Amino acid sequence: MEAWLWSLLETLSLPQYGLSSVFVVAFVSATLLPMGSEPAVFGLVKLNPELFWPAILVATVGNTLGGVVSWAMGYGAHQAIDKARGSSTHLKALDWLERFGPKACLLSWLPVVGDPLCVVAGWLKFPLLPCMLYMAIGKFLRYLVMTAALLWLLPGDWLPAV
């Protein structure tokens, strides 16, 4: 298992794969699929410390664009249901979210509720650009804080020798 993990991390950390892998993992993890992108970002930065800022920025862009896809799915679902029903659809449980508007997307970084929040923002027809801005701010801060904290908590070489 350790050899497999080392091989995977080594492959993903190669300059030609590292940042693109982080982008793909961050993008996919921002959808409703249950996966996290933080280990990929941390692994790349741990093996290539000079890629700290590029990895944070690429992960932020990938995760934000994945959130935009989730927003679009929610918006499209609302449009389709409204068209099929011939009337506007609204759930009372979402009233509290409407009070915050696009600013609620700032919480899109949260585990479990963050990704569905982007879908709900689209469902509620919040404007895309402010939502995307708040998503990007929240996701950037998450990657920055989590990666820096992991580097601080796990200094030095922690991977097994090959």
C-alpha atoms as a PDB file:
ATOM      1  CA  MET A   1       0.000   0.000   0.000  1.00  0.00           C
ATOM      2  CA  GLU A   2       2.806   2.425   0.853  1.00  0.00           C
ATOM      3  CA  ALA A   3       4.543   1.766  -2.461  1.00  0.00           C
ATOM      4  CA  TRP A   4       1.312   2.394  -4.365  1.00  0.00           C
ATOM      5  CA  LEU A   5       0.671   5.629  -2.465  1.00  0.00           C
ATOM      6  CA  TRP A   6       4.212   6.829  -3.038  1.00  0.00           C
ATOM      7  CA  SER A   7       3.974   6.006  -6.750  1.00  0.00           C
ATOM      8  CA  LEU A   8       0.668   7.844  -7.089  1.00  0.00           C
ATOM      9  CA  LEU A   9       1.931  10.929  -5.252  1.00  0.00           C
ATOM     10  CA  GLU A  10       5.136  10.905  -7.266  1.00  0.00           C
ATOM     11  CA  THR A  11       3.229  10.739 -10.562  1.00  0.00           C
ATOM     12  CA  LEU A  12       0.775  13.476  -9.571  1.00  0.00           C
ATOM     13  CA  SER A  13       3.599  15.720  -8.430  1.00  0.00           C
ATOM     14  CA  LEU A  14       5.372  15.722 -11.773  1.00  0.00           C
ATOM     15  CA  PRO A  15       5.286  19.237 -13.193  1.00  0.00           C
ATOM     16  CA  GLN A  16       3.456  18.091 -16.299  1.00  0.00           C
ATOM     17  CA  TYR A  17       0.731  16.418 -14.194  1.00  0.00           C
ATOM     18  CA  GLY A  18       0.819  18.151 -10.820  1.00  0.00           C
ATOM     19  CA  LEU A  19      -1.100  21.364 -11.373  1.00  0.00           C
ATOM     20  CA  SER A  20      -3.428  19.862 -13.967  1.00  0.00           C
ATOM     21  CA  SER A  21      -4.213  16.996 -11.591  1.00  0.00           C
ATOM     22  CA  VAL A  22      -4.944  19.467  -8.803  1.00  0.00           C
ATOM     23  CA  PHE A  23      -7.250  21.389 -11.150  1.00  0.00           C
ATOM     24  CA  VAL A  24      -9.197  18.256 -12.155  1.00  0.00           C
ATOM     25  CA  VAL A  25      -9.474  16.941  -8.601  1.00  0.00           C
ATOM     26  CA  ALA A  26     -10.549  20.376  -7.291  1.00  0.00           C
ATOM     27  CA  PHE A  27     -13.073  20.774 -10.110  1.00  0.00           C
ATOM     28  CA  VAL A  28     -14.643  17.345  -9.594  1.00  0.00           C
ATOM     29  CA  SER A  29     -14.674  17.680  -5.815  1.00  0.00           C
ATOM     30  CA  ALA A  30     -16.744  20.879  -6.090  1.00  0.00           C
ATOM     31  CA  THR A  31     -19.590  18.932  -7.644  1.00  0.00           C
ATOM     32  CA  LEU A  32     -21.872  16.699  -5.628  1.00  0.00           C
ATOM     33  CA  LEU A  33     -19.379  13.829  -5.891  1.00  0.00           C
ATOM     34  CA  PRO A  34     -18.049  12.913  -2.447  1.00  0.00           C
ATOM     35  CA  MET A  35     -14.349  13.625  -2.619  1.00  0.00           C
ATOM     36  CA  GLY A  36     -11.951  16.172  -1.240  1.00  0.00           C
ATOM     37  CA  SER A  37      -9.224  18.015  -3.077  1.00  0.00           C
ATOM     38  CA  GLU A  38      -7.152  19.088  -0.090  1.00  0.00           C
ATOM     39  CA  PRO A  39      -4.996  15.913  -0.043  1.00  0.00           C
ATOM     40  CA  ALA A  40      -4.035  16.464  -3.691  1.00  0.00           C
ATOM     41  CA  VAL A  41      -3.116  20.096  -3.041  1.00  0.00           C
ATOM     42  CA  PHE A  42      -1.177  19.232   0.102  1.00  0.00           C
ATOM     43  CA  GLY A  43       0.633  16.319  -1.568  1.00  0.00           C
ATOM     44  CA  LEU A  44       1.723  18.455  -4.497  1.00  0.00           C
ATOM     45  CA  VAL A  45       2.894  21.293  -2.267  1.00  0.00           C
ATOM     46  CA  LYS A  46       4.668  18.928   0.114  1.00  0.00           C
ATOM     47  CA  LEU A  47       6.611  17.354  -2.747  1.00  0.00           C
ATOM     48  CA  ASN A  48       7.112  20.662  -4.599  1.00  0.00           C
ATOM     49  CA  PRO A  49       7.177  23.539  -2.099  1.00  0.00           C
ATOM     50  CA  GLU A  50       7.851  26.040  -4.880  1.00  0.00           C
ATOM     51  CA  LEU A  51       4.354  25.277  -6.216  1.00  0.00           C
ATOM     52  CA  PHE A  52       2.582  26.540  -3.063  1.00  0.00           C
ATOM     53  CA  TRP A  53       0.946  29.624  -4.623  1.00  0.00           C
ATOM     54  CA  PRO A  54       0.346  28.100  -8.061  1.00  0.00           C
ATOM     55  CA  ALA A  55      -1.295  25.054  -6.427  1.00  0.00           C
ATOM     56  CA  ILE A  56      -3.498  27.231  -4.205  1.00  0.00           C
ATOM     57  CA  LEU A  57      -4.565  29.360  -7.173  1.00  0.00           C
ATOM     58  CA  VAL A  58      -5.145  26.413  -9.540  1.00  0.00           C
ATOM     59  CA  ALA A  59      -7.164  24.570  -6.874  1.00  0.00           C
ATOM     60  CA  THR A  60      -9.198  27.710  -6.213  1.00  0.00           C
ATOM     61  CA  VAL A  61      -9.973  28.179  -9.907  1.00  0.00           C
ATOM     62  CA  GLY A  62     -10.834  24.504 -10.414  1.00  0.00           C
ATOM     63  CA  ASN A  63     -13.002  24.346  -7.312  1.00  0.00           C
ATOM     64  CA  THR A  64     -14.751  27.616  -8.163  1.00  0.00           C
ATOM     65  CA  LEU A  65     -15.490  26.474 -11.722  1.00  0.00           C
ATOM     66  CA  GLY A  66     -16.835  23.202 -10.325  1.00  0.00           C
ATOM     67  CA  GLY A  67     -19.065  25.282  -8.049  1.00  0.00           C
ATOM     68  CA  VAL A  68     -20.253  27.218 -11.107  1.00  0.00           C
ATOM     69  CA  VAL A  69     -21.209  23.925 -12.762  1.00  0.00           C
ATOM     70  CA  SER A  70     -23.185  23.018  -9.631  1.00  0.00           C
ATOM     71  CA  TRP A  71     -24.833  26.464  -9.707  1.00  0.00           C
ATOM     72  CA  ALA A  72     -25.765  25.917 -13.369  1.00  0.00           C
ATOM     73  CA  MET A  73     -27.252  22.498 -12.569  1.00  0.00           C
ATOM     74  CA  GLY A  74     -29.434  24.055  -9.878  1.00  0.00           C
ATOM     75  CA  TYR A  75     -30.467  26.906 -12.163  1.00  0.00           C
ATOM     76  CA  GLY A  76     -31.257  24.509 -15.013  1.00  0.00           C
ATOM     77  CA  ALA A  77     -33.217  22.196 -12.728  1.00  0.00           C
ATOM     78  CA  HIS A  78     -35.315  25.111 -11.502  1.00  0.00           C
ATOM     79  CA  GLN A  79     -35.970  26.296 -15.057  1.00  0.00           C
ATOM     80  CA  ALA A  80     -36.981  22.789 -16.172  1.00  0.00           C
ATOM     81  CA  ILE A  81     -39.295  22.212 -13.219  1.00  0.00           C
ATOM     82  CA  ASP A  82     -40.901  25.654 -13.590  1.00  0.00           C
ATOM     83  CA  LYS A  83     -41.510  24.956 -17.271  1.00  0.00           C
ATOM     84  CA  ALA A  84     -42.944  21.500 -16.597  1.00  0.00           C
ATOM     85  CA  ARG A  85     -45.254  22.748 -13.817  1.00  0.00           C
ATOM     86  CA  GLY A  86     -46.236  25.940 -15.587  1.00  0.00           C
ATOM     87  CA  SER A  87     -45.592  27.928 -12.408  1.00  0.00           C
ATOM     88  CA  SER A  88     -42.792  29.068 -10.123  1.00  0.00           C
ATOM     89  CA  THR A  89     -41.396  26.527  -7.689  1.00  0.00           C
ATOM     90  CA  HIS A  90     -40.297  27.604  -4.229  1.00  0.00           C
ATOM     91  CA  LEU A  91     -39.439  25.704  -1.074  1.00  0.00           C
ATOM     92  CA  LYS A  92     -40.100  27.430   2.237  1.00  0.00           C
ATOM     93  CA  ALA A  93     -37.014  25.814   3.755  1.00  0.00           C
ATOM     94  CA  LEU A  94     -34.899  27.980   1.456  1.00  0.00           C
ATOM     95  CA  ASP A  95     -36.315  31.297   2.662  1.00  0.00           C
ATOM     96  CA  TRP A  96     -33.494  31.858   5.128  1.00  0.00           C
ATOM     97  CA  LEU A  97     -30.928  31.374   2.371  1.00  0.00           C
ATOM     98  CA  GLU A  98     -32.601  34.002   0.221  1.00  0.00           C
ATOM     99  CA  ARG A  99     -31.962  36.581   2.951  1.00  0.00           C
ATOM    100  CA  PHE A 100     -28.207  36.184   2.426  1.00  0.00           C
ATOM    101  CA  GLY A 101     -28.330  36.073  -1.367  1.00  0.00           C
ATOM    102  CA  PRO A 102     -25.059  35.439  -3.240  1.00  0.00           C
ATOM    103  CA  LYS A 103     -23.064  36.074  -0.031  1.00  0.00           C
ATOM    104  CA  ALA A 104     -24.212  32.627   1.111  1.00  0.00           C
ATOM    105  CA  CYS A 105     -21.806  31.203  -1.499  1.00  0.00           C
ATOM    106  CA  LEU A 106     -18.965  32.371   0.716  1.00  0.00           C
ATOM    107  CA  LEU A 107     -19.771  29.210   2.720  1.00  0.00           C
ATOM    108  CA  SER A 108     -19.312  26.944  -0.313  1.00  0.00           C
ATOM    109  CA  TRP A 109     -15.997  25.799   1.194  1.00  0.00           C
ATOM    110  CA  LEU A 110     -17.748  23.990   4.042  1.00  0.00           C
ATOM    111  CA  PRO A 111     -17.652  20.188   4.027  1.00  0.00           C
ATOM    112  CA  VAL A 112     -20.930  18.379   3.287  1.00  0.00           C
ATOM    113  CA  VAL A 113     -23.104  21.499   2.818  1.00  0.00           C
ATOM    114  CA  GLY A 114     -20.816  23.636   0.639  1.00  0.00           C
ATOM    115  CA  ASP A 115     -21.293  21.851  -2.681  1.00  0.00           C
ATOM    116  CA  PRO A 116     -25.081  21.559  -2.411  1.00  0.00           C
ATOM    117  CA  LEU A 117     -25.119  25.242  -1.442  1.00  0.00           C
ATOM    118  CA  CYS A 118     -23.876  26.111  -4.941  1.00  0.00           C
ATOM    119  CA  VAL A 119     -26.699  24.063  -6.453  1.00  0.00           C
ATOM    120  CA  VAL A 120     -29.220  25.804  -4.213  1.00  0.00           C
ATOM    121  CA  ALA A 121     -27.803  29.214  -5.206  1.00  0.00           C
ATOM    122  CA  GLY A 122     -28.502  28.322  -8.835  1.00  0.00           C
ATOM    123  CA  TRP A 123     -31.926  26.972  -7.922  1.00  0.00           C
ATOM    124  CA  LEU A 124     -32.752  30.270  -6.248  1.00  0.00           C
ATOM    125  CA  LYS A 125     -31.503  32.084  -9.354  1.00  0.00           C
ATOM    126  CA  PHE A 126     -28.886  34.093  -7.491  1.00  0.00           C
ATOM    127  CA  PRO A 127     -26.779  36.111  -9.969  1.00  0.00           C
ATOM    128  CA  LEU A 128     -23.840  34.048 -11.218  1.00  0.00           C
ATOM    129  CA  LEU A 129     -20.997  36.590 -11.025  1.00  0.00           C
ATOM    130  CA  PRO A 130     -21.477  37.582  -7.365  1.00  0.00           C
ATOM    131  CA  CYS A 131     -21.941  33.912  -6.466  1.00  0.00           C
ATOM    132  CA  MET A 132     -18.755  33.011  -8.302  1.00  0.00           C
ATOM    133  CA  LEU A 133     -16.847  35.802  -6.559  1.00  0.00           C
ATOM    134  CA  TYR A 134     -17.981  34.680  -3.098  1.00  0.00           C
ATOM    135  CA  MET A 135     -17.274  31.037  -3.967  1.00  0.00           C
ATOM    136  CA  ALA A 136     -13.742  31.955  -5.055  1.00  0.00           C
ATOM    137  CA  ILE A 137     -13.036  33.949  -1.881  1.00  0.00           C
ATOM    138  CA  GLY A 138     -14.229  31.167   0.408  1.00  0.00           C
ATOM    139  CA  LYS A 139     -12.454  28.417  -1.507  1.00  0.00           C
ATOM    140  CA  PHE A 140      -9.196  30.393  -1.758  1.00  0.00           C
ATOM    141  CA  LEU A 141      -9.163  30.990   1.993  1.00  0.00           C
ATOM    142  CA  ARG A 142      -9.895  27.306   2.655  1.00  0.00           C
ATOM    143  CA  TYR A 143      -7.011  26.103   0.477  1.00  0.00           C
ATOM    144  CA  LEU A 144      -4.644  28.713   1.879  1.00  0.00           C
ATOM    145  CA  VAL A 145      -5.436  27.979   5.521  1.00  0.00           C
ATOM    146  CA  MET A 146      -5.645  24.186   5.185  1.00  0.00           C
ATOM    147  CA  THR A 147      -2.466  23.798   3.150  1.00  0.00           C
ATOM    148  CA  ALA A 148      -0.471  26.185   5.340  1.00  0.00           C
ATOM    149  CA  ALA A 149      -1.755  24.463   8.485  1.00  0.00           C
ATOM    150  CA  LEU A 150      -0.856  21.013   7.169  1.00  0.00           C
ATOM    151  CA  LEU A 151       2.615  22.182   6.192  1.00  0.00           C
ATOM    152  CA  TRP A 152       3.054  23.638   9.671  1.00  0.00           C
ATOM    153  CA  LEU A 153       1.681  20.521  11.406  1.00  0.00           C
ATOM    154  CA  LEU A 154       3.619  18.052   9.231  1.00  0.00           C
ATOM    155  CA  PRO A 155       7.049  19.621   8.689  1.00  0.00           C
ATOM    156  CA  GLY A 156       9.945  17.772   7.089  1.00  0.00           C
ATOM    157  CA  ASP A 157       9.877  14.485   5.246  1.00  0.00           C
ATOM    158  CA  TRP A 158       6.862  12.412   6.153  1.00  0.00           C
ATOM    159  CA  LEU A 159       6.663  10.112   3.156  1.00  0.00           C
ATOM    160  CA  PRO A 160       8.305   6.671   3.336  1.00  0.00           C
ATOM    161  CA  ALA A 161      11.684   6.330   1.620  1.00  0.00           C
ATOM    162  CA  VAL A 162      11.702   4.500  -1.691  1.00  0.00           C
END
